[in-house]
PDB file of all heavy atoms in Angstrom:
ATOM      1  N   ARG A   1      43.335 -11.124  66.730  1.00  0.00           N
ATOM      2  CA  ARG A   1      44.496 -10.243  66.832  1.00  0.00           C
ATOM      3  C   ARG A   1      45.599 -10.797  65.929  1.00  0.00           C
ATOM      4  O   ARG A   1      46.243 -11.790  66.255  1.00  0.00           O
ATOM      5  CB  ARG A   1      44.966 -10.160  68.287  1.00  0.00           C
ATOM      6  CG  ARG A   1      43.898  -9.591  69.224  1.00  0.00           C
ATOM      7  CD  ARG A   1      44.337  -9.679  70.667  1.00  0.00           C
ATOM      8  NE  ARG A   1      44.463 -11.050  71.118  1.00  0.00           N
ATOM      9  CZ  ARG A   1      45.009 -11.427  72.271  1.00  0.00           C
ATOM     10  NH1 ARG A   1      45.487 -10.521  73.093  1.00  0.00           N
ATOM     11  NH2 ARG A   1      45.079 -12.706  72.609  1.00  0.00           N
ATOM     12  N   SER A   2      45.796 -10.153  64.806  1.00  0.00           N
ATOM     13  CA  SER A   2      46.756 -10.650  63.829  1.00  0.00           C
ATOM     14  C   SER A   2      47.503  -9.492  63.189  1.00  0.00           C
ATOM     15  O   SER A   2      47.079  -8.326  63.284  1.00  0.00           O
ATOM     16  CB  SER A   2      46.056 -11.484  62.757  1.00  0.00           C
ATOM     17  OG  SER A   2      45.079 -10.701  62.089  1.00  0.00           O
ATOM     18  N   ALA A   3      48.609  -9.800  62.550  1.00  0.00           N
ATOM     19  CA  ALA A   3      49.409  -8.771  61.882  1.00  0.00           C
ATOM     20  C   ALA A   3      50.291  -9.424  60.833  1.00  0.00           C
ATOM     21  O   ALA A   3      50.671 -10.592  60.947  1.00  0.00           O
ATOM     22  CB  ALA A   3      50.262  -8.010  62.888  1.00  0.00           C
ATOM     23  N   THR A   4      50.630  -8.635  59.819  1.00  0.00           N
ATOM     24  CA  THR A   4      51.547  -9.061  58.766  1.00  0.00           C
ATOM     25  C   THR A   4      52.638  -8.007  58.617  1.00  0.00           C
ATOM     26  O   THR A   4      52.337  -6.814  58.559  1.00  0.00           O
ATOM     27  CB  THR A   4      50.810  -9.234  57.423  1.00  0.00           C
ATOM     28  OG1 THR A   4      49.788 -10.226  57.578  1.00  0.00           O
ATOM     29  CG2 THR A   4      51.773  -9.669  56.324  1.00  0.00           C
ATOM     30  N   ILE A   5      53.865  -8.466  58.572  1.00  0.00           N
ATOM     31  CA  ILE A   5      55.011  -7.577  58.393  1.00  0.00           C
ATOM     32  C   ILE A   5      55.810  -8.031  57.181  1.00  0.00           C
ATOM     33  O   ILE A   5      56.141  -9.219  57.057  1.00  0.00           O
ATOM     34  CB  ILE A   5      55.939  -7.595  59.634  1.00  0.00           C
ATOM     35  CG1 ILE A   5      55.206  -7.086  60.876  1.00  0.00           C
ATOM     36  CG2 ILE A   5      57.211  -6.782  59.372  1.00  0.00           C
ATOM     37  CD1 ILE A   5      54.844  -5.625  60.847  1.00  0.00           C
ATOM     38  N   GLU A   6      56.093  -7.112  56.289  1.00  0.00           N
ATOM     39  CA  GLU A   6      57.025  -7.364  55.191  1.00  0.00           C
ATOM     40  C   GLU A   6      58.172  -6.379  55.352  1.00  0.00           C
ATOM     41  O   GLU A   6      57.952  -5.174  55.426  1.00  0.00           O
ATOM     42  CB  GLU A   6      56.338  -7.208  53.837  1.00  0.00           C
ATOM     43  CG  GLU A   6      55.286  -8.274  53.592  1.00  0.00           C
ATOM     44  CD  GLU A   6      54.733  -8.258  52.179  1.00  0.00           C
ATOM     45  OE1 GLU A   6      55.542  -8.404  51.234  1.00  0.00           O
ATOM     46  OE2 GLU A   6      53.524  -8.086  52.035  1.00  0.00           O
ATOM     47  N   ARG A   7      59.378  -6.893  55.405  1.00  0.00           N
ATOM     48  CA  ARG A   7      60.554  -6.074  55.710  1.00  0.00           C
ATOM     49  C   ARG A   7      61.668  -6.443  54.736  1.00  0.00           C
ATOM     50  O   ARG A   7      62.229  -7.529  54.814  1.00  0.00           O
ATOM     51  CB  ARG A   7      60.984  -6.331  57.159  1.00  0.00           C
ATOM     52  CG  ARG A   7      62.047  -5.399  57.699  1.00  0.00           C
ATOM     53  CD  ARG A   7      62.294  -5.707  59.176  1.00  0.00           C
ATOM     54  NE  ARG A   7      63.161  -4.716  59.793  1.00  0.00           N
ATOM     55  CZ  ARG A   7      64.496  -4.782  59.774  1.00  0.00           C
ATOM     56  NH1 ARG A   7      65.092  -5.794  59.180  1.00  0.00           N
ATOM     57  NH2 ARG A   7      65.216  -3.829  60.348  1.00  0.00           N
ATOM     58  N   ASN A   8      61.980  -5.540  53.845  1.00  0.00           N
ATOM     59  CA  ASN A   8      62.988  -5.807  52.822  1.00  0.00           C
ATOM     60  C   ASN A   8      64.130  -4.799  52.925  1.00  0.00           C
ATOM     61  O   ASN A   8      63.900  -3.593  52.902  1.00  0.00           O
ATOM     62  CB  ASN A   8      62.372  -5.746  51.429  1.00  0.00           C
ATOM     63  CG  ASN A   8      61.292  -6.800  51.232  1.00  0.00           C
ATOM     64  OD1 ASN A   8      61.463  -7.942  51.640  1.00  0.00           O
ATOM     65  ND2 ASN A   8      60.184  -6.425  50.626  1.00  0.00           N
ATOM     66  N   THR A   9      65.350  -5.312  53.075  1.00  0.00           N
ATOM     67  CA  THR A   9      66.543  -4.489  53.085  1.00  0.00           C
ATOM     68  C   THR A   9      67.557  -5.107  52.121  1.00  0.00           C
ATOM     69  O   THR A   9      67.291  -6.122  51.484  1.00  0.00           O
ATOM     70  CB  THR A   9      67.167  -4.416  54.499  1.00  0.00           C
ATOM     71  OG1 THR A   9      67.741  -5.693  54.827  1.00  0.00           O
ATOM     72  CG2 THR A   9      66.114  -4.057  55.549  1.00  0.00           C
ATOM     73  N   LYS A  10      68.733  -4.513  52.052  1.00  0.00           N
ATOM     74  CA  LYS A  10      69.796  -5.079  51.218  1.00  0.00           C
ATOM     75  C   LYS A  10      70.348  -6.370  51.805  1.00  0.00           C
ATOM     76  O   LYS A  10      71.053  -7.113  51.129  1.00  0.00           O
ATOM     77  CB  LYS A  10      70.922  -4.063  51.052  1.00  0.00           C
ATOM     78  CG  LYS A  10      70.527  -2.841  50.223  1.00  0.00           C
ATOM     79  CD  LYS A  10      71.693  -1.888  50.062  1.00  0.00           C
ATOM     80  CE  LYS A  10      71.298  -0.682  49.214  1.00  0.00           C
ATOM     81  NZ  LYS A  10      72.415   0.292  49.061  1.00  0.00           N
ATOM     82  N   GLU A  11      69.991  -6.645  53.055  1.00  0.00           N
ATOM     83  CA  GLU A  11      70.517  -7.824  53.751  1.00  0.00           C
ATOM     84  C   GLU A  11      69.517  -8.964  53.854  1.00  0.00           C
ATOM     85  O   GLU A  11      69.910 -10.130  53.826  1.00  0.00           O
ATOM     86  CB  GLU A  11      70.982  -7.417  55.146  1.00  0.00           C
ATOM     87  CG  GLU A  11      72.104  -6.385  55.114  1.00  0.00           C
ATOM     88  CD  GLU A  11      72.353  -5.691  56.434  1.00  0.00           C
ATOM     89  OE1 GLU A  11      71.481  -5.782  57.331  1.00  0.00           O
ATOM     90  OE2 GLU A  11      73.406  -5.065  56.573  1.00  0.00           O
ATOM     91  N   THR A  12      68.221  -8.636  53.974  1.00  0.00           N
ATOM     92  CA  THR A  12      67.201  -9.670  54.133  1.00  0.00           C
ATOM     93  C   THR A  12      65.890  -9.259  53.470  1.00  0.00           C
ATOM     94  O   THR A  12      65.582  -8.076  53.360  1.00  0.00           O
ATOM     95  CB  THR A  12      66.898  -9.951  55.624  1.00  0.00           C
ATOM     96  OG1 THR A  12      66.526  -8.728  56.264  1.00  0.00           O
ATOM     97  CG2 THR A  12      68.088 -10.573  56.332  1.00  0.00           C
ATOM     98  N   GLU A  13      65.138 -10.270  53.044  1.00  0.00           N
ATOM     99  CA  GLU A  13      63.756 -10.095  52.593  1.00  0.00           C
ATOM    100  C   GLU A  13      62.896 -10.977  53.491  1.00  0.00           C
ATOM    101  O   GLU A  13      63.081 -12.193  53.540  1.00  0.00           O
ATOM    102  CB  GLU A  13      63.597 -10.499  51.133  1.00  0.00           C
ATOM    103  CG  GLU A  13      64.408  -9.661  50.162  1.00  0.00           C
ATOM    104  CD  GLU A  13      64.276 -10.139  48.734  1.00  0.00           C
ATOM    105  OE1 GLU A  13      63.434 -11.038  48.476  1.00  0.00           O
ATOM    106  OE2 GLU A  13      65.026  -9.653  47.874  1.00  0.00           O
ATOM    107  N   ILE A  14      61.944 -10.350  54.180  1.00  0.00           N
ATOM    108  CA  ILE A  14      61.206 -11.063  55.226  1.00  0.00           C
ATOM    109  C   ILE A  14      59.707 -10.880  55.078  1.00  0.00           C
ATOM    110  O   ILE A  14      59.219  -9.775  54.833  1.00  0.00           O
ATOM    111  CB  ILE A  14      61.632 -10.571  56.630  1.00  0.00           C
ATOM    112  CG1 ILE A  14      63.118 -10.867  56.860  1.00  0.00           C
ATOM    113  CG2 ILE A  14      60.803 -11.218  57.727  1.00  0.00           C
ATOM    114  CD1 ILE A  14      63.625 -10.438  58.212  1.00  0.00           C
ATOM    115  N   PHE A  15      58.985 -11.987  55.272  1.00  0.00           N
ATOM    116  CA  PHE A  15      57.525 -11.976  55.408  1.00  0.00           C
ATOM    117  C   PHE A  15      57.180 -12.674  56.708  1.00  0.00           C
ATOM    118  O   PHE A  15      57.601 -13.822  56.937  1.00  0.00           O
ATOM    119  CB  PHE A  15      56.863 -12.699  54.238  1.00  0.00           C
ATOM    120  CG  PHE A  15      55.367 -12.850  54.394  1.00  0.00           C
ATOM    121  CD1 PHE A  15      54.509 -11.852  53.959  1.00  0.00           C
ATOM    122  CD2 PHE A  15      54.819 -13.989  54.987  1.00  0.00           C
ATOM    123  CE1 PHE A  15      53.132 -11.980  54.105  1.00  0.00           C
ATOM    124  CE2 PHE A  15      53.446 -14.124  55.132  1.00  0.00           C
ATOM    125  CZ  PHE A  15      52.607 -13.112  54.687  1.00  0.00           C
ATOM    126  N   VAL A  16      56.456 -11.993  57.580  1.00  0.00           N
ATOM    127  CA  VAL A  16      56.020 -12.577  58.851  1.00  0.00           C
ATOM    128  C   VAL A  16      54.538 -12.296  59.042  1.00  0.00           C
ATOM    129  O   VAL A  16      54.073 -11.169  58.836  1.00  0.00           O
ATOM    130  CB  VAL A  16      56.816 -12.001  60.042  1.00  0.00           C
ATOM    131  CG1 VAL A  16      56.203 -12.458  61.367  1.00  0.00           C
ATOM    132  CG2 VAL A  16      58.269 -12.422  59.974  1.00  0.00           C
ATOM    133  N   GLU A  17      53.825 -13.315  59.453  1.00  0.00           N
ATOM    134  CA  GLU A  17      52.396 -13.178  59.760  1.00  0.00           C
ATOM    135  C   GLU A  17      52.118 -13.895  61.072  1.00  0.00           C
ATOM    136  O   GLU A  17      52.563 -15.034  61.263  1.00  0.00           O
ATOM    137  CB  GLU A  17      51.567 -13.786  58.632  1.00  0.00           C
ATOM    138  CG  GLU A  17      50.072 -13.534  58.738  1.00  0.00           C
ATOM    139  CD  GLU A  17      49.352 -13.985  57.475  1.00  0.00           C
ATOM    140  OE1 GLU A  17      49.526 -15.168  57.106  1.00  0.00           O
ATOM    141  OE2 GLU A  17      48.656 -13.172  56.858  1.00  0.00           O
ATOM    142  N   VAL A  18      51.409 -13.229  61.987  1.00  0.00           N
ATOM    143  CA  VAL A  18      51.067 -13.846  63.267  1.00  0.00           C
ATOM    144  C   VAL A  18      49.574 -13.732  63.536  1.00  0.00           C
ATOM    145  O   VAL A  18      48.915 -12.793  63.095  1.00  0.00           O
ATOM    146  CB  VAL A  18      51.834 -13.207  64.449  1.00  0.00           C
ATOM    147  CG1 VAL A  18      53.337 -13.377  64.285  1.00  0.00           C
ATOM    148  CG2 VAL A  18      51.465 -11.751  64.638  1.00  0.00           C
ATOM    149  N   ASN A  19      49.074 -14.705  64.262  1.00  0.00           N
ATOM    150  CA  ASN A  19      47.716 -14.692  64.799  1.00  0.00           C
ATOM    151  C   ASN A  19      47.833 -15.079  66.266  1.00  0.00           C
ATOM    152  O   ASN A  19      48.137 -16.232  66.590  1.00  0.00           O
ATOM    153  CB  ASN A  19      46.823 -15.672  64.041  1.00  0.00           C
ATOM    154  CG  ASN A  19      45.449 -15.820  64.670  1.00  0.00           C
ATOM    155  OD1 ASN A  19      45.083 -15.098  65.593  1.00  0.00           O
ATOM    156  ND2 ASN A  19      44.674 -16.775  64.171  1.00  0.00           N
ATOM    157  N   LEU A  20      47.617 -14.096  67.136  1.00  0.00           N
ATOM    158  CA  LEU A  20      47.790 -14.338  68.569  1.00  0.00           C
ATOM    159  C   LEU A  20      46.756 -15.302  69.125  1.00  0.00           C
ATOM    160  O   LEU A  20      46.976 -15.912  70.173  1.00  0.00           O
ATOM    161  CB  LEU A  20      47.711 -13.018  69.343  1.00  0.00           C
ATOM    162  CG  LEU A  20      48.695 -11.912  68.955  1.00  0.00           C
ATOM    163  CD1 LEU A  20      48.569 -10.749  69.935  1.00  0.00           C
ATOM    164  CD2 LEU A  20      50.120 -12.416  68.889  1.00  0.00           C
ATOM    165  N   ASP A  21      45.630 -15.438  68.450  1.00  0.00           N
ATOM    166  CA  ASP A  21      44.540 -16.286  68.936  1.00  0.00           C
ATOM    167  C   ASP A  21      44.488 -17.592  68.153  1.00  0.00           C
ATOM    168  O   ASP A  21      43.421 -18.117  67.856  1.00  0.00           O
ATOM    169  CB  ASP A  21      43.218 -15.524  68.819  1.00  0.00           C
ATOM    170  CG  ASP A  21      43.245 -14.234  69.617  1.00  0.00           C
ATOM    171  OD1 ASP A  21      43.559 -14.293  70.814  1.00  0.00           O
ATOM    172  OD2 ASP A  21      42.991 -13.157  69.032  1.00  0.00           O
ATOM    173  N   GLY A  22      45.660 -18.122  67.851  1.00  0.00           N
ATOM    174  CA  GLY A  22      45.751 -19.323  67.038  1.00  0.00           C
ATOM    175  C   GLY A  22      45.840 -20.596  67.860  1.00  0.00           C
ATOM    176  O   GLY A  22      45.452 -20.649  69.032  1.00  0.00           O
ATOM    177  N   THR A  23      46.414 -21.614  67.236  1.00  0.00           N
ATOM    178  CA  THR A  23      46.558 -22.928  67.874  1.00  0.00           C
ATOM    179  C   THR A  23      48.005 -23.405  67.848  1.00  0.00           C
ATOM    180  O   THR A  23      48.287 -24.546  68.203  1.00  0.00           O
ATOM    181  CB  THR A  23      45.672 -23.970  67.171  1.00  0.00           C
ATOM    182  OG1 THR A  23      46.035 -24.038  65.779  1.00  0.00           O
ATOM    183  CG2 THR A  23      44.200 -23.604  67.295  1.00  0.00           C
ATOM    184  N   GLY A  24      48.924 -22.538  67.420  1.00  0.00           N
ATOM    185  CA  GLY A  24      50.329 -22.914  67.374  1.00  0.00           C
ATOM    186  C   GLY A  24      50.745 -23.592  66.097  1.00  0.00           C
ATOM    187  O   GLY A  24      51.682 -24.398  66.085  1.00  0.00           O
ATOM    188  N   THR A  25      50.075 -23.265  64.992  1.00  0.00           N
ATOM    189  CA  THR A  25      50.499 -23.789  63.698  1.00  0.00           C
ATOM    190  C   THR A  25      51.570 -22.866  63.126  1.00  0.00           C
ATOM    191  O   THR A  25      51.559 -21.657  63.358  1.00  0.00           O
ATOM    192  CB  THR A  25      49.325 -23.895  62.714  1.00  0.00           C
ATOM    193  OG1 THR A  25      48.757 -22.594  62.494  1.00  0.00           O
ATOM    194  CG2 THR A  25      48.246 -24.814  63.259  1.00  0.00           C
ATOM    195  N   TYR A  26      52.486 -23.437  62.352  1.00  0.00           N
ATOM    196  CA  TYR A  26      53.621 -22.648  61.883  1.00  0.00           C
ATOM    197  C   TYR A  26      54.087 -23.090  60.498  1.00  0.00           C
ATOM    198  O   TYR A  26      53.880 -24.226  60.079  1.00  0.00           O
ATOM    199  CB  TYR A  26      54.783 -22.754  62.872  1.00  0.00           C
ATOM    200  CG  TYR A  26      55.186 -24.172  63.208  1.00  0.00           C
ATOM    201  CD1 TYR A  26      56.008 -24.916  62.363  1.00  0.00           C
ATOM    202  CD2 TYR A  26      54.733 -24.776  64.382  1.00  0.00           C
ATOM    203  CE1 TYR A  26      56.358 -26.218  62.668  1.00  0.00           C
ATOM    204  CE2 TYR A  26      55.076 -26.072  64.688  1.00  0.00           C
ATOM    205  CZ  TYR A  26      55.898 -26.792  63.834  1.00  0.00           C
ATOM    206  OH  TYR A  26      56.234 -28.080  64.142  1.00  0.00           O
ATOM    207  N   ASP A  27      54.719 -22.149  59.827  1.00  0.00           N
ATOM    208  CA  ASP A  27      55.400 -22.386  58.547  1.00  0.00           C
ATOM    209  C   ASP A  27      56.616 -21.470  58.560  1.00  0.00           C
ATOM    210  O   ASP A  27      56.509 -20.281  58.292  1.00  0.00           O
ATOM    211  CB  ASP A  27      54.465 -22.052  57.378  1.00  0.00           C
ATOM    212  CG  ASP A  27      55.126 -22.221  56.023  1.00  0.00           C
ATOM    213  OD1 ASP A  27      56.261 -22.720  55.963  1.00  0.00           O
ATOM    214  OD2 ASP A  27      54.506 -21.821  55.013  1.00  0.00           O
ATOM    215  N   VAL A  28      57.765 -22.023  58.933  1.00  0.00           N
ATOM    216  CA  VAL A  28      58.956 -21.219  59.199  1.00  0.00           C
ATOM    217  C   VAL A  28      60.089 -21.648  58.281  1.00  0.00           C
ATOM    218  O   VAL A  28      60.419 -22.837  58.198  1.00  0.00           O
ATOM    219  CB  VAL A  28      59.410 -21.359  60.667  1.00  0.00           C
ATOM    220  CG1 VAL A  28      60.702 -20.577  60.909  1.00  0.00           C
ATOM    221  CG2 VAL A  28      58.311 -20.899  61.615  1.00  0.00           C
ATOM    222  N   SER A  29      60.692 -20.679  57.606  1.00  0.00           N
ATOM    223  CA  SER A  29      61.849 -20.947  56.756  1.00  0.00           C
ATOM    224  C   SER A  29      62.769 -19.734  56.794  1.00  0.00           C
ATOM    225  O   SER A  29      62.492 -18.716  56.164  1.00  0.00           O
ATOM    226  CB  SER A  29      61.406 -21.240  55.315  1.00  0.00           C
ATOM    227  OG  SER A  29      62.537 -21.439  54.483  1.00  0.00           O
ATOM    228  N   THR A  30      63.869 -19.850  57.551  1.00  0.00           N
ATOM    229  CA  THR A  30      64.829 -18.759  57.668  1.00  0.00           C
ATOM    230  C   THR A  30      66.115 -19.022  56.906  1.00  0.00           C
ATOM    231  O   THR A  30      66.933 -18.119  56.744  1.00  0.00           O
ATOM    232  CB  THR A  30      65.204 -18.511  59.143  1.00  0.00           C
ATOM    233  OG1 THR A  30      65.941 -19.651  59.630  1.00  0.00           O
ATOM    234  CG2 THR A  30      63.973 -18.280  59.995  1.00  0.00           C
ATOM    235  N   GLY A  31      66.318 -20.263  56.486  1.00  0.00           N
ATOM    236  CA  GLY A  31      67.579 -20.646  55.876  1.00  0.00           C
ATOM    237  C   GLY A  31      68.592 -21.156  56.892  1.00  0.00           C
ATOM    238  O   GLY A  31      69.670 -21.608  56.524  1.00  0.00           O
ATOM    239  N   ILE A  32      68.254 -21.078  58.185  1.00  0.00           N
ATOM    240  CA  ILE A  32      69.104 -21.586  59.261  1.00  0.00           C
ATOM    241  C   ILE A  32      68.300 -22.653  59.991  1.00  0.00           C
ATOM    242  O   ILE A  32      67.357 -22.353  60.712  1.00  0.00           O
ATOM    243  CB  ILE A  32      69.518 -20.467  60.239  1.00  0.00           C
ATOM    244  CG1 ILE A  32      70.181 -19.307  59.498  1.00  0.00           C
ATOM    245  CG2 ILE A  32      70.459 -21.019  61.317  1.00  0.00           C
ATOM    246  CD1 ILE A  32      70.419 -18.071  60.353  1.00  0.00           C
ATOM    247  N   GLY A  33      68.668 -23.909  59.803  1.00  0.00           N
ATOM    248  CA  GLY A  33      67.852 -25.016  60.287  1.00  0.00           C
ATOM    249  C   GLY A  33      67.566 -24.975  61.772  1.00  0.00           C
ATOM    250  O   GLY A  33      66.418 -25.184  62.199  1.00  0.00           O
ATOM    251  N   PHE A  34      68.577 -24.708  62.583  1.00  0.00           N
ATOM    252  CA  PHE A  34      68.351 -24.725  64.030  1.00  0.00           C
ATOM    253  C   PHE A  34      67.475 -23.551  64.467  1.00  0.00           C
ATOM    254  O   PHE A  34      66.644 -23.692  65.378  1.00  0.00           O
ATOM    255  CB  PHE A  34      69.675 -24.698  64.795  1.00  0.00           C
ATOM    256  CG  PHE A  34      69.523 -25.106  66.230  1.00  0.00           C
ATOM    257  CD1 PHE A  34      69.532 -26.438  66.590  1.00  0.00           C
ATOM    258  CD2 PHE A  34      69.330 -24.153  67.225  1.00  0.00           C
ATOM    259  CE1 PHE A  34      69.365 -26.823  67.918  1.00  0.00           C
ATOM    260  CE2 PHE A  34      69.160 -24.529  68.543  1.00  0.00           C
ATOM    261  CZ  PHE A  34      69.178 -25.867  68.896  1.00  0.00           C
ATOM    262  N   LEU A  35      67.630 -22.395  63.812  1.00  0.00           N
ATOM    263  CA  LEU A  35      66.767 -21.255  64.125  1.00  0.00           C
ATOM    264  C   LEU A  35      65.318 -21.571  63.768  1.00  0.00           C
ATOM    265  O   LEU A  35      64.398 -21.236  64.526  1.00  0.00           O
ATOM    266  CB  LEU A  35      67.251 -20.005  63.393  1.00  0.00           C
ATOM    267  CG  LEU A  35      66.475 -18.713  63.669  1.00  0.00           C
ATOM    268  CD1 LEU A  35      66.513 -18.352  65.146  1.00  0.00           C
ATOM    269  CD2 LEU A  35      67.019 -17.573  62.815  1.00  0.00           C
ATOM    270  N   ASP A  36      65.099 -22.219  62.627  1.00  0.00           N
ATOM    271  CA  ASP A  36      63.746 -22.671  62.276  1.00  0.00           C
ATOM    272  C   ASP A  36      63.157 -23.508  63.404  1.00  0.00           C
ATOM    273  O   ASP A  36      62.010 -23.306  63.819  1.00  0.00           O
ATOM    274  CB  ASP A  36      63.775 -23.525  61.004  1.00  0.00           C
ATOM    275  CG  ASP A  36      64.047 -22.739  59.736  1.00  0.00           C
ATOM    276  OD1 ASP A  36      64.136 -21.500  59.798  1.00  0.00           O
ATOM    277  OD2 ASP A  36      64.172 -23.376  58.680  1.00  0.00           O
ATOM    278  N   HIS A  37      63.945 -24.456  63.884  1.00  0.00           N
ATOM    279  CA  HIS A  37      63.488 -25.373  64.929  1.00  0.00           C
ATOM    280  C   HIS A  37      63.082 -24.625  66.192  1.00  0.00           C
ATOM    281  O   HIS A  37      62.052 -24.916  66.811  1.00  0.00           O
ATOM    282  CB  HIS A  37      64.603 -26.373  65.230  1.00  0.00           C
ATOM    283  CG  HIS A  37      64.287 -27.383  66.279  1.00  0.00           C
ATOM    284  ND1 HIS A  37      63.094 -28.085  66.331  1.00  0.00           N
ATOM    285  CD2 HIS A  37      65.024 -27.832  67.338  1.00  0.00           C
ATOM    286  CE1 HIS A  37      63.105 -28.914  67.363  1.00  0.00           C
ATOM    287  NE2 HIS A  37      64.261 -28.762  67.996  1.00  0.00           N
TER     288      HIS A  37
END
């Protein structure tokens, strides 16, 4: 069970990919350090 979302507006450019049956691996970069955490 997985999905990919690309969402581009005048305010943000976003790429998100999830796999619900994963192991909790991540690669997160939002530009806001605490939000990443």
